[in-house]
N, C-alpha and C. Protein backbone atom coordinates (compact mmCIF):
# COMPACT_ATOMS: atom_id res chain seq x y z
N MET A 1 7.67 14.04 35.34
CA MET A 1 6.80 14.66 34.32
C MET A 1 5.40 14.52 34.81
N PRO A 2 4.60 15.67 34.80
CA PRO A 2 3.22 15.62 35.26
C PRO A 2 2.37 14.70 34.39
N ARG A 3 1.33 14.11 35.00
CA ARG A 3 0.45 13.24 34.31
C ARG A 3 -0.09 13.75 32.97
N THR A 4 -0.50 15.04 32.95
CA THR A 4 -1.13 15.59 31.75
C THR A 4 -0.02 15.75 30.62
N ALA A 5 1.21 16.04 31.02
CA ALA A 5 2.32 16.08 30.02
C ALA A 5 2.60 14.77 29.46
N ARG A 6 2.61 13.71 30.32
CA ARG A 6 2.81 12.32 29.81
C ARG A 6 1.72 11.91 28.89
N LEU A 7 0.48 12.25 29.29
CA LEU A 7 -0.67 11.86 28.40
C LEU A 7 -0.62 12.63 27.08
N ALA A 8 -0.25 13.89 27.07
CA ALA A 8 -0.14 14.66 25.82
C ALA A 8 1.01 14.05 24.96
N ALA A 9 2.10 13.71 25.53
CA ALA A 9 3.21 13.19 24.79
C ALA A 9 2.81 11.82 24.22
N GLY A 10 2.10 11.00 24.94
CA GLY A 10 1.63 9.69 24.39
C GLY A 10 0.69 9.87 23.30
N LEU A 11 -0.27 10.83 23.35
CA LEU A 11 -1.19 11.08 22.33
C LEU A 11 -0.49 11.59 21.06
N LEU A 12 0.47 12.44 21.23
CA LEU A 12 1.16 12.94 20.11
C LEU A 12 1.93 11.86 19.42
N ALA A 13 2.65 11.06 20.17
CA ALA A 13 3.44 9.93 19.60
C ALA A 13 2.51 8.96 18.88
N GLY A 14 1.40 8.62 19.44
CA GLY A 14 0.38 7.75 18.83
C GLY A 14 -0.14 8.29 17.54
N GLY A 15 -0.46 9.59 17.52
CA GLY A 15 -0.95 10.23 16.34
C GLY A 15 0.04 10.26 15.24
N LEU A 16 1.37 10.48 15.57
CA LEU A 16 2.43 10.48 14.53
C LEU A 16 2.61 9.06 14.01
N ALA A 17 2.46 8.09 14.87
CA ALA A 17 2.63 6.67 14.34
C ALA A 17 1.55 6.30 13.37
N LEU A 18 0.33 6.80 13.53
CA LEU A 18 -0.79 6.43 12.69
C LEU A 18 -0.94 7.37 11.46
N ALA A 19 -0.22 8.51 11.50
CA ALA A 19 -0.35 9.48 10.39
C ALA A 19 -0.09 8.90 9.02
N PRO A 20 0.99 7.97 8.78
CA PRO A 20 1.15 7.45 7.51
C PRO A 20 -0.03 6.56 7.02
N LEU A 21 -0.70 5.90 7.91
CA LEU A 21 -1.77 5.04 7.59
C LEU A 21 -3.01 5.77 7.16
N ALA A 22 -3.08 6.97 7.51
CA ALA A 22 -4.33 7.71 7.15
C ALA A 22 -4.28 8.19 5.72
N GLY A 23 -3.13 8.06 5.04
CA GLY A 23 -2.96 8.65 3.69
C GLY A 23 -3.25 7.69 2.56
N CYS A 24 -4.26 6.99 2.57
CA CYS A 24 -4.61 6.13 1.39
C CYS A 24 -5.66 6.89 0.60
N SER A 25 -5.30 7.08 -0.66
CA SER A 25 -6.29 7.69 -1.56
C SER A 25 -6.29 6.95 -2.86
N LEU A 26 -7.15 7.25 -3.76
CA LEU A 26 -7.17 6.47 -4.99
C LEU A 26 -7.59 7.32 -6.18
N SER A 27 -7.31 6.84 -7.36
CA SER A 27 -7.75 7.57 -8.52
C SER A 27 -9.06 7.03 -8.99
N SER A 28 -9.18 5.68 -9.20
CA SER A 28 -10.44 5.10 -9.55
C SER A 28 -10.49 3.66 -9.12
N ASN A 29 -9.80 3.38 -8.05
CA ASN A 29 -9.65 1.99 -7.55
C ASN A 29 -10.06 1.90 -6.13
N ASN A 30 -10.25 0.71 -5.73
CA ASN A 30 -10.74 0.41 -4.35
C ASN A 30 -9.52 0.32 -3.41
N VAL A 31 -9.45 1.20 -2.44
CA VAL A 31 -8.40 1.19 -1.41
C VAL A 31 -9.04 1.28 -0.03
N SER A 32 -8.60 0.40 0.85
CA SER A 32 -9.07 0.49 2.26
C SER A 32 -7.91 0.16 3.19
N CYS A 33 -7.89 0.84 4.28
CA CYS A 33 -6.79 0.67 5.25
C CYS A 33 -7.23 0.27 6.61
N SER A 34 -6.37 -0.55 7.25
CA SER A 34 -6.52 -0.84 8.70
C SER A 34 -5.43 -0.16 9.40
N THR A 35 -5.17 -0.51 10.64
CA THR A 35 -4.10 0.15 11.42
C THR A 35 -2.71 -0.19 10.98
N SER A 36 -2.52 -1.29 10.25
CA SER A 36 -1.21 -1.72 9.88
C SER A 36 -0.91 -1.93 8.40
N SER A 37 -2.03 -1.89 7.60
CA SER A 37 -1.81 -2.08 6.13
C SER A 37 -2.97 -1.56 5.35
N CYS A 38 -2.78 -1.49 4.03
CA CYS A 38 -3.83 -1.07 3.13
C CYS A 38 -4.02 -2.19 2.09
N THR A 39 -5.25 -2.35 1.63
CA THR A 39 -5.60 -3.29 0.50
C THR A 39 -6.11 -2.45 -0.56
N ALA A 40 -5.66 -2.74 -1.86
CA ALA A 40 -6.10 -2.05 -2.97
C ALA A 40 -6.29 -2.99 -4.15
N THR A 41 -7.28 -2.67 -4.93
CA THR A 41 -7.57 -3.42 -6.21
C THR A 41 -7.25 -2.48 -7.33
N LEU A 42 -6.28 -2.82 -8.19
CA LEU A 42 -5.93 -2.04 -9.33
C LEU A 42 -6.31 -2.79 -10.58
N SER A 43 -7.08 -2.15 -11.45
CA SER A 43 -7.49 -2.86 -12.68
C SER A 43 -7.29 -1.95 -13.86
N GLY A 44 -6.84 -2.55 -14.96
CA GLY A 44 -6.51 -1.83 -16.19
C GLY A 44 -5.14 -1.27 -16.20
N ASP A 45 -4.42 -1.47 -17.31
CA ASP A 45 -3.08 -0.86 -17.41
C ASP A 45 -3.04 0.61 -17.08
N GLY A 46 -2.07 1.00 -16.29
CA GLY A 46 -1.98 2.41 -15.93
C GLY A 46 -2.65 2.79 -14.68
N ALA A 47 -3.49 1.90 -14.12
CA ALA A 47 -4.23 2.25 -12.86
C ALA A 47 -3.25 2.58 -11.74
N GLU A 48 -3.59 3.47 -10.91
CA GLU A 48 -2.75 3.84 -9.83
C GLU A 48 -3.54 4.20 -8.55
N ALA A 49 -2.89 4.13 -7.41
CA ALA A 49 -3.46 4.54 -6.15
C ALA A 49 -2.33 5.00 -5.24
N GLU A 50 -2.66 5.94 -4.37
CA GLU A 50 -1.73 6.32 -3.34
C GLU A 50 -1.99 5.56 -2.11
N ILE A 51 -0.92 4.81 -1.69
CA ILE A 51 -1.01 3.97 -0.51
C ILE A 51 0.13 4.25 0.42
N LEU A 52 -0.17 4.60 1.64
CA LEU A 52 0.81 4.86 2.68
C LEU A 52 1.80 5.93 2.19
N GLY A 53 1.29 6.95 1.46
CA GLY A 53 2.13 8.02 0.99
C GLY A 53 2.94 7.70 -0.23
N GLN A 54 2.70 6.56 -0.89
CA GLN A 54 3.41 6.14 -2.07
C GLN A 54 2.48 5.92 -3.22
N LYS A 55 2.86 6.41 -4.44
CA LYS A 55 2.04 6.12 -5.57
C LYS A 55 2.37 4.72 -6.10
N VAL A 56 1.39 3.89 -6.19
CA VAL A 56 1.55 2.50 -6.71
C VAL A 56 0.86 2.44 -8.08
N THR A 57 1.60 2.02 -9.08
CA THR A 57 1.07 1.94 -10.42
C THR A 57 1.01 0.53 -10.86
N PHE A 58 -0.02 0.22 -11.67
CA PHE A 58 -0.21 -1.17 -12.20
C PHE A 58 0.09 -1.20 -13.67
N GLY A 59 1.07 -2.03 -14.09
CA GLY A 59 1.44 -2.07 -15.52
C GLY A 59 0.87 -3.25 -16.27
N GLY A 60 -0.06 -4.01 -15.67
CA GLY A 60 -0.64 -5.10 -16.37
C GLY A 60 -0.21 -6.46 -15.82
N VAL A 61 -0.66 -7.56 -16.40
CA VAL A 61 -0.39 -8.91 -16.04
C VAL A 61 0.22 -9.63 -17.26
N GLN A 62 1.30 -10.30 -17.03
CA GLN A 62 1.90 -11.13 -18.03
C GLN A 62 2.36 -12.46 -17.41
N ASP A 63 2.03 -13.57 -18.01
CA ASP A 63 2.38 -14.90 -17.48
C ASP A 63 1.92 -15.06 -16.00
N GLY A 64 0.85 -14.55 -15.64
CA GLY A 64 0.34 -14.67 -14.28
C GLY A 64 0.99 -13.77 -13.22
N LYS A 65 1.84 -12.87 -13.70
CA LYS A 65 2.53 -11.98 -12.73
C LYS A 65 2.05 -10.53 -12.99
N ALA A 66 1.71 -9.84 -11.92
CA ALA A 66 1.39 -8.48 -12.06
C ALA A 66 2.60 -7.55 -11.94
N SER A 67 2.63 -6.54 -12.84
CA SER A 67 3.73 -5.60 -12.78
C SER A 67 3.26 -4.34 -12.03
N LEU A 68 4.14 -3.98 -11.05
CA LEU A 68 3.80 -2.89 -10.15
C LEU A 68 4.96 -1.91 -10.03
N GLY A 69 4.72 -0.67 -9.91
CA GLY A 69 5.74 0.32 -9.71
C GLY A 69 5.48 1.11 -8.46
N VAL A 70 6.53 1.28 -7.63
CA VAL A 70 6.46 2.08 -6.39
C VAL A 70 7.74 2.81 -6.23
N ALA A 71 7.66 4.14 -6.09
CA ALA A 71 8.87 4.91 -5.79
C ALA A 71 10.09 4.65 -6.70
N GLY A 72 9.83 4.49 -7.97
CA GLY A 72 10.92 4.23 -8.91
C GLY A 72 11.33 2.80 -8.99
N ALA A 73 10.80 1.92 -8.20
CA ALA A 73 11.07 0.52 -8.29
C ALA A 73 9.98 -0.24 -9.02
N ASN A 74 10.35 -1.07 -9.96
CA ASN A 74 9.40 -1.85 -10.70
C ASN A 74 9.56 -3.37 -10.26
N VAL A 75 8.46 -3.92 -9.86
CA VAL A 75 8.47 -5.33 -9.42
C VAL A 75 7.32 -6.11 -10.05
N SER A 76 7.36 -7.41 -9.95
CA SER A 76 6.26 -8.21 -10.37
C SER A 76 6.06 -9.31 -9.38
N CYS A 77 4.77 -9.71 -9.24
CA CYS A 77 4.44 -10.80 -8.32
C CYS A 77 3.28 -11.59 -8.81
N ALA A 78 3.31 -12.87 -8.48
CA ALA A 78 2.18 -13.73 -8.83
C ALA A 78 1.28 -13.82 -7.56
N GLU A 79 0.15 -14.35 -7.77
CA GLU A 79 -0.80 -14.50 -6.58
C GLU A 79 -0.12 -15.21 -5.54
N GLY A 80 -0.22 -14.69 -4.24
CA GLY A 80 0.33 -15.29 -3.11
C GLY A 80 1.76 -14.88 -2.78
N GLU A 81 2.43 -14.19 -3.77
CA GLU A 81 3.83 -13.78 -3.52
C GLU A 81 3.90 -12.38 -2.83
N SER A 82 4.99 -12.18 -2.11
CA SER A 82 5.23 -10.90 -1.52
C SER A 82 6.56 -10.41 -2.01
N VAL A 83 6.60 -9.09 -2.23
CA VAL A 83 7.81 -8.37 -2.73
C VAL A 83 7.96 -7.03 -1.98
N THR A 84 9.20 -6.56 -2.00
CA THR A 84 9.42 -5.22 -1.45
C THR A 84 9.65 -4.29 -2.65
N ALA A 85 9.00 -3.15 -2.58
CA ALA A 85 9.13 -2.16 -3.62
C ALA A 85 9.26 -0.78 -2.99
N GLY A 86 10.37 -0.16 -3.06
CA GLY A 86 10.57 1.10 -2.32
C GLY A 86 10.38 0.88 -0.89
N PRO A 87 9.59 1.76 -0.24
CA PRO A 87 9.34 1.60 1.21
C PRO A 87 8.20 0.62 1.57
N LEU A 88 7.59 -0.04 0.56
CA LEU A 88 6.47 -0.88 0.85
C LEU A 88 6.74 -2.31 0.64
N GLN A 89 6.08 -3.14 1.54
CA GLN A 89 6.05 -4.63 1.37
C GLN A 89 4.65 -4.89 0.70
N LEU A 90 4.70 -5.49 -0.45
CA LEU A 90 3.46 -5.79 -1.18
C LEU A 90 3.15 -7.24 -1.26
N GLU A 91 1.97 -7.67 -1.01
CA GLU A 91 1.56 -9.04 -1.19
C GLU A 91 0.51 -9.00 -2.29
N CYS A 92 0.68 -9.79 -3.28
CA CYS A 92 -0.35 -9.94 -4.38
C CYS A 92 -1.29 -11.05 -3.93
N THR A 93 -2.45 -10.62 -3.39
CA THR A 93 -3.44 -11.55 -2.88
C THR A 93 -4.25 -12.16 -3.98
N SER A 94 -4.40 -11.48 -5.13
CA SER A 94 -5.23 -11.95 -6.20
C SER A 94 -4.71 -11.33 -7.52
N VAL A 95 -4.45 -12.20 -8.55
CA VAL A 95 -3.96 -11.74 -9.84
C VAL A 95 -4.92 -12.28 -10.88
N THR A 96 -5.56 -11.48 -11.70
CA THR A 96 -6.39 -11.99 -12.78
C THR A 96 -5.79 -11.43 -14.11
N GLU A 97 -6.47 -11.59 -15.19
CA GLU A 97 -5.95 -11.15 -16.51
C GLU A 97 -5.69 -9.69 -16.55
N ASP A 98 -6.51 -8.87 -15.88
CA ASP A 98 -6.42 -7.41 -15.99
C ASP A 98 -6.51 -6.67 -14.68
N ALA A 99 -6.29 -7.38 -13.57
CA ALA A 99 -6.33 -6.73 -12.28
C ALA A 99 -5.45 -7.38 -11.28
N VAL A 100 -5.15 -6.65 -10.20
CA VAL A 100 -4.38 -7.22 -9.09
C VAL A 100 -4.93 -6.69 -7.80
N GLU A 101 -5.06 -7.51 -6.79
CA GLU A 101 -5.40 -7.03 -5.47
C GLU A 101 -4.15 -7.17 -4.61
N ILE A 102 -3.74 -6.04 -3.96
CA ILE A 102 -2.53 -6.15 -3.21
C ILE A 102 -2.85 -5.72 -1.73
N THR A 103 -2.04 -6.20 -0.81
CA THR A 103 -2.00 -5.75 0.55
C THR A 103 -0.64 -5.10 0.74
N ALA A 104 -0.61 -3.84 1.17
CA ALA A 104 0.65 -3.13 1.35
C ALA A 104 0.81 -2.69 2.78
N SER A 105 2.05 -2.79 3.23
CA SER A 105 2.44 -2.32 4.54
C SER A 105 3.85 -1.71 4.41
N LEU A 106 4.26 -0.93 5.41
CA LEU A 106 5.57 -0.31 5.35
C LEU A 106 6.60 -1.47 5.60
N ALA A 107 7.65 -1.40 4.68
CA ALA A 107 8.70 -2.45 4.81
C ALA A 107 9.60 -2.27 6.00
């Protein structure tokens, strides 16, 4: 394979690998992404953000656990816990009375 074809194939493969990470958006919450994960702060019942192509919804906090929904899966986690929800691995890095900060990566 000629050098330029190998280079083009490598760039295409690299671009496809990073494509899912470029898709973080938000409704009214703070979302930021690195090359391997996204961090989001969701506050207020019903808050949502699109992270790695998945809509993540926040259902509130009860007994120190945040309720989250991803791709039809409902999970809850306390501060420091990690859970898998749909195609995402979520870590609840901070849980307060009315907000959760999560770090999400592809499971």
